[in-house]
Amino acid sequence: MDQILSELAVKFLEKEMNKSFAILDVETTGGKYNEEKMTEISILVYDGTKIVKKFETLINPQKDIQPFVQRLTGINYELVKNSPIFKDISEKIFEITKDKIIVAHNVDFDYRILKNEFRSINVKFQRDLLCTVDLSKLIFPNLKSYKLTNLLSNFGIINENPHRAFSDALGALKLFKILMNKDSELKFIESNIKPKDNG
């Protein structure tokens, strides 16, 4: 299965001008819409056969983390106070995702947070997108839940540390591989790429 999947993914990526996938997850402070700040990010660059690059870091959001978010993620001020601020890691994030298709579980959320962070330092950030929630609903309709941990459990996969960036990014990658294998001709995947926006 993995060999067939790899061949399909490579063929698809070649068609997409040799792009790779940047599977990612971000955690935030919570709070008012568009006022959230990032507290953690994990990016796994997948070339259709293997992870070729990784980037993971906590981020000092320079604002309070909502109590319910602290309980959900385990990320609090003590954990992030000595971490870099977004501006200090922005170039790394920009470069590692350049010419990649960003893949995430509920990608609109992660992308919105990233765009807002880049906008705050006057940098335009535009990437093509794929959402594993949308793909899961198309490829596996009528499931009771499309939460990442629940989806993975349907396939006997445990999300070791849900609501932490690396564990969720790795879980999204595992799910994405399953989706690519099920979508044997990659028709759903190809037709659901969201092209760069102009924002």
C-alpha atoms as a PDB file:
ATOM      1  CA  MET A   1       0.000   0.000   0.000  1.00  0.00           C
ATOM      2  CA  ASP A   2       2.753   2.477   0.945  1.00  0.00           C
ATOM      3  CA  GLN A   3       4.551   1.928  -2.361  1.00  0.00           C
ATOM      4  CA  ILE A   4       1.379   2.515  -4.386  1.00  0.00           C
ATOM      5  CA  LEU A   5       0.563   5.552  -2.242  1.00  0.00           C
ATOM      6  CA  SER A   6       4.028   6.984  -2.751  1.00  0.00           C
ATOM      7  CA  GLU A   7       3.824   6.516  -6.523  1.00  0.00           C
ATOM      8  CA  LEU A   8       0.455   8.303  -6.609  1.00  0.00           C
ATOM      9  CA  ALA A   9       1.665  11.130  -4.404  1.00  0.00           C
ATOM     10  CA  VAL A  10       4.849  11.642  -6.398  1.00  0.00           C
ATOM     11  CA  LYS A  11       2.894  11.655  -9.667  1.00  0.00           C
ATOM     12  CA  PHE A  12       0.475  14.195  -8.223  1.00  0.00           C
ATOM     13  CA  LEU A  13       3.248  16.430  -6.894  1.00  0.00           C
ATOM     14  CA  GLU A  14       5.066  16.344 -10.213  1.00  0.00           C
ATOM     15  CA  LYS A  15       1.857  17.541 -11.836  1.00  0.00           C
ATOM     16  CA  GLU A  16       1.721  20.319  -9.232  1.00  0.00           C
ATOM     17  CA  MET A  17       5.086  21.704 -10.389  1.00  0.00           C
ATOM     18  CA  ASN A  18       7.121  19.587  -7.991  1.00  0.00           C
ATOM     19  CA  LYS A  19       5.426  21.019  -4.933  1.00  0.00           C
ATOM     20  CA  SER A  20       5.618  19.225  -1.617  1.00  0.00           C
ATOM     21  CA  PHE A  21       3.080  19.193   1.200  1.00  0.00           C
ATOM     22  CA  ALA A  22       3.630  21.182   4.402  1.00  0.00           C
ATOM     23  CA  ILE A  23       1.504  19.420   6.975  1.00  0.00           C
ATOM     24  CA  LEU A  24       1.161  21.695   9.972  1.00  0.00           C
ATOM     25  CA  ASP A  25      -0.654  22.518  13.167  1.00  0.00           C
ATOM     26  CA  VAL A  26      -0.701  25.644  15.297  1.00  0.00           C
ATOM     27  CA  GLU A  27      -1.801  26.225  18.870  1.00  0.00           C
ATOM     28  CA  THR A  28      -2.970  29.644  20.031  1.00  0.00           C
ATOM     29  CA  THR A  29      -3.798  31.779  23.045  1.00  0.00           C
ATOM     30  CA  GLY A  30      -7.511  31.697  22.314  1.00  0.00           C
ATOM     31  CA  GLY A  31      -9.470  34.894  22.748  1.00  0.00           C
ATOM     32  CA  LYS A  32     -11.346  37.193  20.385  1.00  0.00           C
ATOM     33  CA  TYR A  33     -11.517  36.264  16.703  1.00  0.00           C
ATOM     34  CA  ASN A  34      -8.447  37.539  14.823  1.00  0.00           C
ATOM     35  CA  GLU A  35      -6.820  38.600  18.078  1.00  0.00           C
ATOM     36  CA  GLU A  36      -5.441  35.129  18.858  1.00  0.00           C
ATOM     37  CA  LYS A  37      -1.675  34.719  18.894  1.00  0.00           C
ATOM     38  CA  MET A  38       0.342  31.579  18.230  1.00  0.00           C
ATOM     39  CA  THR A  39       1.865  29.644  21.113  1.00  0.00           C
ATOM     40  CA  GLU A  40       3.203  26.633  19.192  1.00  0.00           C
ATOM     41  CA  ILE A  41       3.716  25.431  15.632  1.00  0.00           C
ATOM     42  CA  SER A  42       4.827  22.187  14.029  1.00  0.00           C
ATOM     43  CA  ILE A  43       5.514  21.759  10.306  1.00  0.00           C
ATOM     44  CA  LEU A  44       6.263  18.450   8.564  1.00  0.00           C
ATOM     45  CA  VAL A  45       7.327  18.710   4.920  1.00  0.00           C
ATOM     46  CA  TYR A  46       6.217  15.571   3.092  1.00  0.00           C
ATOM     47  CA  ASP A  47       7.452  14.879  -0.443  1.00  0.00           C
ATOM     48  CA  GLY A  48       5.049  12.029  -1.176  1.00  0.00           C
ATOM     49  CA  THR A  49       7.361   9.347   0.163  1.00  0.00           C
ATOM     50  CA  LYS A  50       8.801  10.642   3.429  1.00  0.00           C
ATOM     51  CA  ILE A  51       9.139  13.580   5.790  1.00  0.00           C
ATOM     52  CA  VAL A  52      12.040  15.625   4.419  1.00  0.00           C
ATOM     53  CA  LYS A  53      11.999  18.571   6.826  1.00  0.00           C
ATOM     54  CA  LYS A  54      10.630  19.324  10.260  1.00  0.00           C
ATOM     55  CA  PHE A  55      10.164  22.501  12.231  1.00  0.00           C
ATOM     56  CA  GLU A  56       8.661  22.753  15.681  1.00  0.00           C
ATOM     57  CA  THR A  57       8.771  25.412  18.358  1.00  0.00           C
ATOM     58  CA  LEU A  58       6.900  27.016  21.191  1.00  0.00           C
ATOM     59  CA  ILE A  59       6.253  30.722  20.684  1.00  0.00           C
ATOM     60  CA  ASN A  60       5.998  33.536  23.188  1.00  0.00           C
ATOM     61  CA  PRO A  61       2.676  35.174  22.205  1.00  0.00           C
ATOM     62  CA  GLN A  62       3.334  38.290  24.277  1.00  0.00           C
ATOM     63  CA  LYS A  63      -0.204  38.134  25.612  1.00  0.00           C
ATOM     64  CA  ASP A  64      -2.207  36.080  28.073  1.00  0.00           C
ATOM     65  CA  ILE A  65      -3.200  32.525  27.236  1.00  0.00           C
ATOM     66  CA  GLN A  66      -6.866  31.876  27.959  1.00  0.00           C
ATOM     67  CA  PRO A  67      -7.375  29.583  30.986  1.00  0.00           C
ATOM     68  CA  PHE A  68      -9.450  27.042  29.055  1.00  0.00           C
ATOM     69  CA  VAL A  69      -6.725  26.865  26.399  1.00  0.00           C
ATOM     70  CA  GLN A  70      -4.115  26.256  29.084  1.00  0.00           C
ATOM     71  CA  ARG A  71      -6.209  23.360  30.369  1.00  0.00           C
ATOM     72  CA  LEU A  72      -6.763  22.005  26.849  1.00  0.00           C
ATOM     73  CA  THR A  73      -3.183  22.213  25.593  1.00  0.00           C
ATOM     74  CA  GLY A  74      -1.079  22.305  28.735  1.00  0.00           C
ATOM     75  CA  ILE A  75       0.666  25.384  27.312  1.00  0.00           C
ATOM     76  CA  ASN A  76       1.008  28.184  29.853  1.00  0.00           C
ATOM     77  CA  TYR A  77       3.112  31.300  30.383  1.00  0.00           C
ATOM     78  CA  GLU A  78       5.869  29.418  32.198  1.00  0.00           C
ATOM     79  CA  LEU A  79       6.252  27.118  29.211  1.00  0.00           C
ATOM     80  CA  VAL A  80       6.514  29.873  26.602  1.00  0.00           C
ATOM     81  CA  LYS A  81       8.103  32.811  28.450  1.00  0.00           C
ATOM     82  CA  ASN A  82      11.618  32.021  27.185  1.00  0.00           C
ATOM     83  CA  SER A  83      10.497  30.969  23.682  1.00  0.00           C
ATOM     84  CA  PRO A  84      11.052  33.103  20.564  1.00  0.00           C
ATOM     85  CA  ILE A  85       8.434  35.608  19.479  1.00  0.00           C
ATOM     86  CA  PHE A  86       6.810  35.100  16.084  1.00  0.00           C
ATOM     87  CA  LYS A  87       8.969  37.671  14.314  1.00  0.00           C
ATOM     88  CA  ASP A  88      12.088  35.716  15.250  1.00  0.00           C
ATOM     89  CA  ILE A  89      10.852  32.519  13.577  1.00  0.00           C
ATOM     90  CA  SER A  90       8.805  34.060  10.764  1.00  0.00           C
ATOM     91  CA  GLU A  91      11.528  33.710   8.136  1.00  0.00           C
ATOM     92  CA  LYS A  92      11.922  30.002   8.922  1.00  0.00           C
ATOM     93  CA  ILE A  93       8.159  29.424   8.610  1.00  0.00           C
ATOM     94  CA  PHE A  94       7.998  31.444   5.403  1.00  0.00           C
ATOM     95  CA  GLU A  95      10.839  29.509   3.776  1.00  0.00           C
ATOM     96  CA  ILE A  96       9.831  26.013   4.875  1.00  0.00           C
ATOM     97  CA  THR A  97       6.301  26.513   3.493  1.00  0.00           C
ATOM     98  CA  LYS A  98       7.349  28.347   0.313  1.00  0.00           C
ATOM     99  CA  ASP A  99       6.005  26.628  -2.825  1.00  0.00           C
ATOM    100  CA  LYS A 100       4.313  24.013  -0.636  1.00  0.00           C
ATOM    101  CA  ILE A 101       0.673  23.011  -0.355  1.00  0.00           C
ATOM    102  CA  ILE A 102      -0.298  23.576   3.277  1.00  0.00           C
ATOM    103  CA  VAL A 103      -2.266  20.650   4.681  1.00  0.00           C
ATOM    104  CA  ALA A 104      -3.992  20.839   8.057  1.00  0.00           C
ATOM    105  CA  HIS A 105      -7.024  19.571   9.925  1.00  0.00           C
ATOM    106  CA  ASN A 106      -9.384  22.544   9.589  1.00  0.00           C
ATOM    107  CA  VAL A 107      -6.783  24.353   7.513  1.00  0.00           C
ATOM    108  CA  ASP A 108      -8.726  27.634   7.388  1.00  0.00           C
ATOM    109  CA  PHE A 109      -8.070  28.130  11.097  1.00  0.00           C
ATOM    110  CA  ASP A 110      -4.333  27.481  10.942  1.00  0.00           C
ATOM    111  CA  TYR A 111      -3.947  29.558   7.789  1.00  0.00           C
ATOM    112  CA  ARG A 112      -5.905  32.481   9.243  1.00  0.00           C
ATOM    113  CA  ILE A 113      -3.677  32.494  12.318  1.00  0.00           C
ATOM    114  CA  LEU A 114      -0.519  32.352  10.200  1.00  0.00           C
ATOM    115  CA  LYS A 115      -1.698  35.126   7.881  1.00  0.00           C
ATOM    116  CA  ASN A 116      -2.558  37.337  10.837  1.00  0.00           C
ATOM    117  CA  GLU A 117       0.848  36.761  12.405  1.00  0.00           C
ATOM    118  CA  PHE A 118       2.628  37.606   9.160  1.00  0.00           C
ATOM    119  CA  ARG A 119       0.363  40.608   8.615  1.00  0.00           C
ATOM    120  CA  SER A 120       1.371  41.906  12.052  1.00  0.00           C
ATOM    121  CA  ILE A 121       4.978  42.133  10.824  1.00  0.00           C
ATOM    122  CA  ASN A 122       3.957  43.511   7.416  1.00  0.00           C
ATOM    123  CA  VAL A 123       4.679  40.350   5.428  1.00  0.00           C
ATOM    124  CA  LYS A 124       2.249  38.963   2.844  1.00  0.00           C
ATOM    125  CA  PHE A 125       1.781  35.224   3.287  1.00  0.00           C
ATOM    126  CA  GLN A 126      -0.016  33.258   0.551  1.00  0.00           C
ATOM    127  CA  ARG A 127      -0.058  29.488   0.116  1.00  0.00           C
ATOM    128  CA  ASP A 128      -2.207  26.821  -1.557  1.00  0.00           C
ATOM    129  CA  LEU A 129      -4.265  24.832   0.944  1.00  0.00           C
ATOM    130  CA  LEU A 130      -5.757  21.387   1.541  1.00  0.00           C
ATOM    131  CA  CYS A 131      -8.066  20.555   4.432  1.00  0.00           C
ATOM    132  CA  THR A 132      -8.154  17.037   5.865  1.00  0.00           C
ATOM    133  CA  VAL A 133     -11.569  17.718   7.441  1.00  0.00           C
ATOM    134  CA  ASP A 134     -13.112  18.531   4.060  1.00  0.00           C
ATOM    135  CA  LEU A 135     -11.373  15.589   2.397  1.00  0.00           C
ATOM    136  CA  SER A 136     -12.464  13.205   5.152  1.00  0.00           C
ATOM    137  CA  LYS A 137     -16.102  14.246   4.724  1.00  0.00           C
ATOM    138  CA  LEU A 138     -15.878  13.614   0.983  1.00  0.00           C
ATOM    139  CA  ILE A 139     -13.949  10.347   1.120  1.00  0.00           C
ATOM    140  CA  PHE A 140     -15.478   8.931   4.319  1.00  0.00           C
ATOM    141  CA  PRO A 141     -19.026  10.360   4.431  1.00  0.00           C
ATOM    142  CA  ASN A 142     -21.489   9.684   7.252  1.00  0.00           C
ATOM    143  CA  LEU A 143     -18.951   9.305  10.049  1.00  0.00           C
ATOM    144  CA  LYS A 144     -20.178  10.428  13.467  1.00  0.00           C
ATOM    145  CA  SER A 145     -17.200  12.677  14.126  1.00  0.00           C
ATOM    146  CA  TYR A 146     -14.536  14.358  12.051  1.00  0.00           C
ATOM    147  CA  LYS A 147     -12.360  15.432  14.951  1.00  0.00           C
ATOM    148  CA  LEU A 148      -8.769  14.420  14.265  1.00  0.00           C
ATOM    149  CA  THR A 149      -8.393  12.063  17.231  1.00  0.00           C
ATOM    150  CA  ASN A 150     -11.708  10.341  16.449  1.00  0.00           C
ATOM    151  CA  LEU A 151     -10.877   9.958  12.762  1.00  0.00           C
ATOM    152  CA  LEU A 152      -7.517   8.427  13.566  1.00  0.00           C
ATOM    153  CA  SER A 153      -9.071   6.018  16.069  1.00  0.00           C
ATOM    154  CA  ASN A 154     -11.296   4.676  13.274  1.00  0.00           C
ATOM    155  CA  PHE A 155      -8.105   3.400  11.659  1.00  0.00           C
ATOM    156  CA  GLY A 156      -6.523   2.127  14.865  1.00  0.00           C
ATOM    157  CA  ILE A 157      -4.188   5.113  15.208  1.00  0.00           C
ATOM    158  CA  ILE A 158      -3.722   6.858  18.548  1.00  0.00           C
ATOM    159  CA  ASN A 159      -3.076  10.599  18.705  1.00  0.00           C
ATOM    160  CA  GLU A 160      -0.538  10.488  21.514  1.00  0.00           C
ATOM    161  CA  ASN A 161      -0.773  14.118  22.617  1.00  0.00           C
ATOM    162  CA  PRO A 162      -3.860  15.843  21.182  1.00  0.00           C
ATOM    163  CA  HIS A 163      -3.934  19.650  21.115  1.00  0.00           C
ATOM    164  CA  ARG A 164      -0.166  19.849  20.891  1.00  0.00           C
ATOM    165  CA  ALA A 165       1.266  20.941  17.580  1.00  0.00           C
ATOM    166  CA  PHE A 166       3.624  18.073  16.758  1.00  0.00           C
ATOM    167  CA  SER A 167       1.200  15.314  17.709  1.00  0.00           C
ATOM    168  CA  ASP A 168      -1.639  16.901  15.748  1.00  0.00           C
ATOM    169  CA  ALA A 169       0.574  17.612  12.717  1.00  0.00           C
ATOM    170  CA  LEU A 170       1.810  14.013  12.725  1.00  0.00           C
ATOM    171  CA  GLY A 171      -1.768  12.793  13.119  1.00  0.00           C
ATOM    172  CA  ALA A 172      -2.845  14.950  10.174  1.00  0.00           C
ATOM    173  CA  LEU A 173      -0.055  13.451   8.073  1.00  0.00           C
ATOM    174  CA  LYS A 174      -1.113   9.906   8.963  1.00  0.00           C
ATOM    175  CA  LEU A 175      -4.708  10.762   8.094  1.00  0.00           C
ATOM    176  CA  PHE A 176      -3.628  12.415   4.847  1.00  0.00           C
ATOM    177  CA  LYS A 177      -1.823   9.248   3.774  1.00  0.00           C
ATOM    178  CA  ILE A 178      -5.005   7.264   4.416  1.00  0.00           C
ATOM    179  CA  LEU A 179      -7.033   9.762   2.400  1.00  0.00           C
ATOM    180  CA  MET A 180      -4.585   9.626  -0.509  1.00  0.00           C
ATOM    181  CA  ASN A 181      -4.698   5.844  -0.529  1.00  0.00           C
ATOM    182  CA  LYS A 182      -8.507   5.784  -0.500  1.00  0.00           C
ATOM    183  CA  ASP A 183      -8.728   8.489  -3.178  1.00  0.00           C
ATOM    184  CA  SER A 184      -6.844   6.204  -5.548  1.00  0.00           C
ATOM    185  CA  GLU A 185      -6.701   8.626  -8.467  1.00  0.00           C
ATOM    186  CA  LEU A 186      -6.343  11.662  -6.159  1.00  0.00           C
ATOM    187  CA  LYS A 187      -9.389  13.264  -7.787  1.00  0.00           C
ATOM    188  CA  PHE A 188     -10.843  14.580  -4.526  1.00  0.00           C
ATOM    189  CA  ILE A 189      -7.467  15.856  -3.394  1.00  0.00           C
ATOM    190  CA  GLU A 190      -6.663  17.596  -6.647  1.00  0.00           C
ATOM    191  CA  SER A 191     -10.094  19.206  -6.934  1.00  0.00           C
ATOM    192  CA  ASN A 192     -10.046  20.469  -3.346  1.00  0.00           C
ATOM    193  CA  ILE A 193      -6.793  22.412  -3.400  1.00  0.00           C
ATOM    194  CA  LYS A 194      -7.605  25.968  -2.410  1.00  0.00           C
ATOM    195  CA  PRO A 195      -5.405  28.285  -4.471  1.00  0.00           C
ATOM    196  CA  LYS A 196      -3.477  31.202  -3.027  1.00  0.00           C
ATOM    197  CA  ASP A 197      -5.723  34.016  -1.938  1.00  0.00           C
ATOM    198  CA  ASN A 198      -5.040  37.684  -2.514  1.00  0.00           C
ATOM    199  CA  GLY A 199      -5.272  38.754   1.112  1.00  0.00           C
END
